[in-house]
Each structure stands twice: as C-alpha cells, then as structure tokens.
N, C-alpha and C. Protein backbone atom coordinates (compact mmCIF):
# COMPACT_ATOMS: atom_id res chain seq x y z
N MET A 1 -28.05 46.40 -5.88
CA MET A 1 -26.62 46.63 -6.09
C MET A 1 -26.32 46.46 -7.58
N ASN A 2 -25.63 47.38 -8.12
CA ASN A 2 -25.27 47.34 -9.53
C ASN A 2 -23.96 46.56 -9.68
N ILE A 3 -24.06 45.33 -10.17
CA ILE A 3 -22.88 44.47 -10.27
C ILE A 3 -21.89 45.01 -11.29
N ALA A 4 -22.36 45.53 -12.40
CA ALA A 4 -21.47 46.05 -13.43
C ALA A 4 -20.61 47.19 -12.88
N LYS A 5 -21.18 47.96 -11.97
CA LYS A 5 -20.45 49.08 -11.38
C LYS A 5 -19.29 48.59 -10.51
N HIS A 6 -19.45 47.44 -9.87
CA HIS A 6 -18.45 46.93 -8.94
C HIS A 6 -17.66 45.75 -9.51
N MET A 7 -17.71 45.55 -10.82
CA MET A 7 -17.05 44.41 -11.44
C MET A 7 -15.53 44.47 -11.25
N GLU A 8 -14.93 45.63 -11.29
CA GLU A 8 -13.49 45.74 -11.10
C GLU A 8 -13.09 45.30 -9.71
N ALA A 9 -13.84 45.69 -8.69
CA ALA A 9 -13.54 45.28 -7.32
C ALA A 9 -13.71 43.78 -7.14
N ILE A 10 -14.74 43.22 -7.77
CA ILE A 10 -14.97 41.78 -7.69
C ILE A 10 -13.81 41.03 -8.35
N PHE A 11 -13.36 41.51 -9.50
CA PHE A 11 -12.24 40.88 -10.21
C PHE A 11 -10.98 40.92 -9.36
N LEU A 12 -10.69 42.06 -8.77
CA LEU A 12 -9.48 42.18 -7.95
C LEU A 12 -9.56 41.30 -6.71
N ALA A 13 -10.72 41.17 -6.12
CA ALA A 13 -10.89 40.29 -4.96
C ALA A 13 -10.66 38.83 -5.34
N VAL A 14 -11.16 38.43 -6.50
CA VAL A 14 -10.97 37.05 -6.96
C VAL A 14 -9.50 36.79 -7.25
N VAL A 15 -8.83 37.73 -7.88
CA VAL A 15 -7.40 37.57 -8.17
C VAL A 15 -6.60 37.48 -6.87
N ALA A 16 -6.96 38.27 -5.87
CA ALA A 16 -6.27 38.22 -4.58
C ALA A 16 -6.46 36.86 -3.90
N VAL A 17 -7.66 36.32 -3.95
CA VAL A 17 -7.91 35.02 -3.33
C VAL A 17 -7.16 33.92 -4.07
N ILE A 18 -7.15 33.95 -5.39
CA ILE A 18 -6.43 32.95 -6.16
C ILE A 18 -4.92 33.05 -5.91
N GLY A 19 -4.41 34.26 -5.86
CA GLY A 19 -2.98 34.43 -5.58
C GLY A 19 -2.60 33.94 -4.21
N ALA A 20 -3.43 34.21 -3.20
CA ALA A 20 -3.14 33.74 -1.85
C ALA A 20 -3.19 32.22 -1.77
N SER A 21 -4.15 31.61 -2.45
CA SER A 21 -4.24 30.15 -2.40
C SER A 21 -3.08 29.50 -3.16
N THR A 22 -2.57 30.16 -4.18
CA THR A 22 -1.41 29.63 -4.90
C THR A 22 -0.19 29.60 -4.00
N PHE A 23 0.04 30.66 -3.27
CA PHE A 23 1.18 30.69 -2.36
C PHE A 23 0.97 29.74 -1.18
N ALA A 24 -0.25 29.57 -0.74
CA ALA A 24 -0.52 28.69 0.40
C ALA A 24 -0.30 27.23 0.05
N THR A 25 -0.57 26.83 -1.19
CA THR A 25 -0.42 25.43 -1.57
C THR A 25 0.90 25.14 -2.27
N ALA A 26 1.74 26.14 -2.51
CA ALA A 26 2.98 25.92 -3.25
C ALA A 26 3.96 25.05 -2.47
N GLY A 27 3.98 25.15 -1.16
CA GLY A 27 4.93 24.38 -0.37
C GLY A 27 4.40 23.06 0.11
N ALA A 28 3.19 22.70 -0.26
CA ALA A 28 2.60 21.44 0.19
C ALA A 28 3.31 20.27 -0.48
N PRO A 29 3.62 19.22 0.30
CA PRO A 29 4.30 18.07 -0.31
C PRO A 29 3.34 17.29 -1.20
N ALA A 30 3.91 16.61 -2.16
CA ALA A 30 3.10 15.80 -3.07
C ALA A 30 2.52 14.62 -2.31
N PRO A 31 1.32 14.18 -2.65
CA PRO A 31 0.73 13.05 -1.95
C PRO A 31 1.54 11.77 -2.19
N VAL A 32 1.63 10.95 -1.16
CA VAL A 32 2.39 9.70 -1.24
C VAL A 32 1.48 8.62 -1.80
N GLN A 33 1.99 7.88 -2.77
CA GLN A 33 1.20 6.80 -3.35
C GLN A 33 1.38 5.57 -2.47
N ARG A 34 0.29 5.11 -1.85
CA ARG A 34 0.37 4.02 -0.90
C ARG A 34 -0.01 2.66 -1.50
N HIS A 35 -0.37 2.61 -2.74
CA HIS A 35 -0.76 1.35 -3.35
C HIS A 35 -0.09 1.20 -4.70
N ALA A 36 -0.13 0.02 -5.21
CA ALA A 36 0.48 -0.25 -6.51
C ALA A 36 -0.31 0.44 -7.60
N PRO A 37 0.33 0.83 -8.66
CA PRO A 37 -0.40 1.45 -9.77
C PRO A 37 -1.43 0.48 -10.35
N LEU A 38 -2.50 1.01 -10.90
CA LEU A 38 -3.57 0.17 -11.43
C LEU A 38 -3.16 -0.58 -12.69
N ALA A 39 -2.16 -0.08 -13.40
CA ALA A 39 -1.75 -0.71 -14.64
C ALA A 39 -1.01 -2.03 -14.40
N VAL A 40 -0.44 -2.20 -13.21
CA VAL A 40 0.31 -3.42 -12.90
C VAL A 40 -0.68 -4.51 -12.54
N SER A 41 -0.54 -5.67 -13.16
CA SER A 41 -1.45 -6.77 -12.93
C SER A 41 -0.67 -8.07 -12.85
N ALA A 42 -1.20 -9.03 -12.09
CA ALA A 42 -0.57 -10.34 -11.98
C ALA A 42 -0.95 -11.24 -13.13
N MET A 43 -1.90 -10.81 -13.95
CA MET A 43 -2.35 -11.62 -15.07
C MET A 43 -1.41 -11.46 -16.25
N PRO A 44 -1.24 -12.51 -17.04
CA PRO A 44 -0.40 -12.37 -18.23
C PRO A 44 -1.05 -11.42 -19.24
N ALA A 45 -0.23 -10.86 -20.08
CA ALA A 45 -0.72 -9.89 -21.07
C ALA A 45 -1.70 -10.56 -22.01
N GLY A 46 -2.80 -9.89 -22.29
CA GLY A 46 -3.77 -10.41 -23.23
C GLY A 46 -4.84 -11.29 -22.60
N ALA A 47 -4.67 -11.69 -21.34
CA ALA A 47 -5.67 -12.53 -20.68
C ALA A 47 -6.81 -11.66 -20.19
N MET A 48 -8.03 -12.11 -20.44
CA MET A 48 -9.19 -11.34 -20.03
C MET A 48 -9.80 -11.98 -18.78
N PRO A 49 -10.03 -11.19 -17.73
CA PRO A 49 -10.65 -11.78 -16.53
C PRO A 49 -12.09 -12.19 -16.82
N VAL A 50 -12.48 -13.34 -16.33
CA VAL A 50 -13.82 -13.87 -16.57
C VAL A 50 -14.48 -14.11 -15.23
N VAL A 51 -15.71 -13.66 -15.09
CA VAL A 51 -16.48 -13.88 -13.88
C VAL A 51 -17.59 -14.86 -14.22
N VAL A 52 -17.68 -15.95 -13.44
CA VAL A 52 -18.70 -16.95 -13.66
C VAL A 52 -19.64 -16.92 -12.48
N VAL A 53 -20.92 -16.70 -12.75
CA VAL A 53 -21.94 -16.69 -11.70
C VAL A 53 -22.75 -17.96 -11.86
N SER A 54 -22.65 -18.82 -10.86
CA SER A 54 -23.40 -20.07 -10.93
C SER A 54 -24.46 -20.05 -9.84
N ALA A 55 -25.64 -19.62 -10.19
CA ALA A 55 -26.77 -19.56 -9.27
C ALA A 55 -28.03 -19.74 -10.08
N ARG A 56 -29.04 -20.27 -9.43
CA ARG A 56 -30.29 -20.46 -10.15
C ARG A 56 -31.12 -19.19 -10.07
N ARG A 57 -31.97 -18.98 -11.05
CA ARG A 57 -32.84 -17.80 -11.08
C ARG A 57 -34.00 -18.01 -10.12
N LEU A 58 -34.49 -16.90 -9.55
CA LEU A 58 -35.65 -16.97 -8.68
C LEU A 58 -36.91 -17.09 -9.50
N SER A 59 -37.84 -17.87 -8.99
CA SER A 59 -39.13 -17.97 -9.66
C SER A 59 -39.96 -16.73 -9.31
N ALA A 60 -41.10 -16.57 -9.97
CA ALA A 60 -41.95 -15.42 -9.71
C ALA A 60 -42.47 -15.44 -8.28
N ALA A 61 -42.77 -16.63 -7.74
CA ALA A 61 -43.25 -16.75 -6.37
C ALA A 61 -42.17 -16.36 -5.37
N GLU A 62 -40.92 -16.75 -5.64
CA GLU A 62 -39.82 -16.39 -4.75
C GLU A 62 -39.54 -14.89 -4.80
N LYS A 63 -39.65 -14.30 -5.97
CA LYS A 63 -39.46 -12.85 -6.10
C LYS A 63 -40.54 -12.09 -5.35
N ALA A 64 -41.76 -12.61 -5.37
CA ALA A 64 -42.87 -11.94 -4.69
C ALA A 64 -42.69 -11.98 -3.18
N ARG A 65 -42.05 -13.00 -2.65
CA ARG A 65 -41.84 -13.11 -1.21
C ARG A 65 -40.73 -12.18 -0.70
N LEU A 66 -39.87 -11.68 -1.58
CA LEU A 66 -38.76 -10.82 -1.16
C LEU A 66 -39.30 -9.49 -0.62
N PRO A 67 -38.67 -8.98 0.47
CA PRO A 67 -39.12 -7.68 0.98
C PRO A 67 -38.72 -6.57 0.02
N GLN A 68 -39.54 -5.56 -0.05
CA GLN A 68 -39.25 -4.46 -0.97
C GLN A 68 -38.82 -3.26 -0.25
C-alpha cells in the first residue's frame, strides 16, 4: 500500500476522530477533588520533616540467612 498516495484520506480520518472526541468530552463534568490540596500542611512554615530510623544493621551472617 502506498501511504503517500493515501495521506489525505488518513489526515481527514484523524481530523474526524479528533473532532468527534472533542464534542464527546465537551459536556463531561470536571473531576471532583476529594482530598485536600498537597500544598496545605499542618507543619509550620519553614519546618523540615525529619525521619529517624533507629534499627541495628544486619551482620553478614544474618544477611546470608535471608531468603532471596
């Protein structure tokens, strides 16, 4: 099939599909936001959250016993 020969038909088909999808989604309601915005925080301004991990490291023998 010679694509260059049928390029006009392909272009018109794509334009028709895009136009139909535009009209199909034009009346769709906007999505409802069900959660608080991410910018709102209970922390005071300028405070940086800190995560502290208090656990001991595994030895080489303990790591070797872990299933892989």
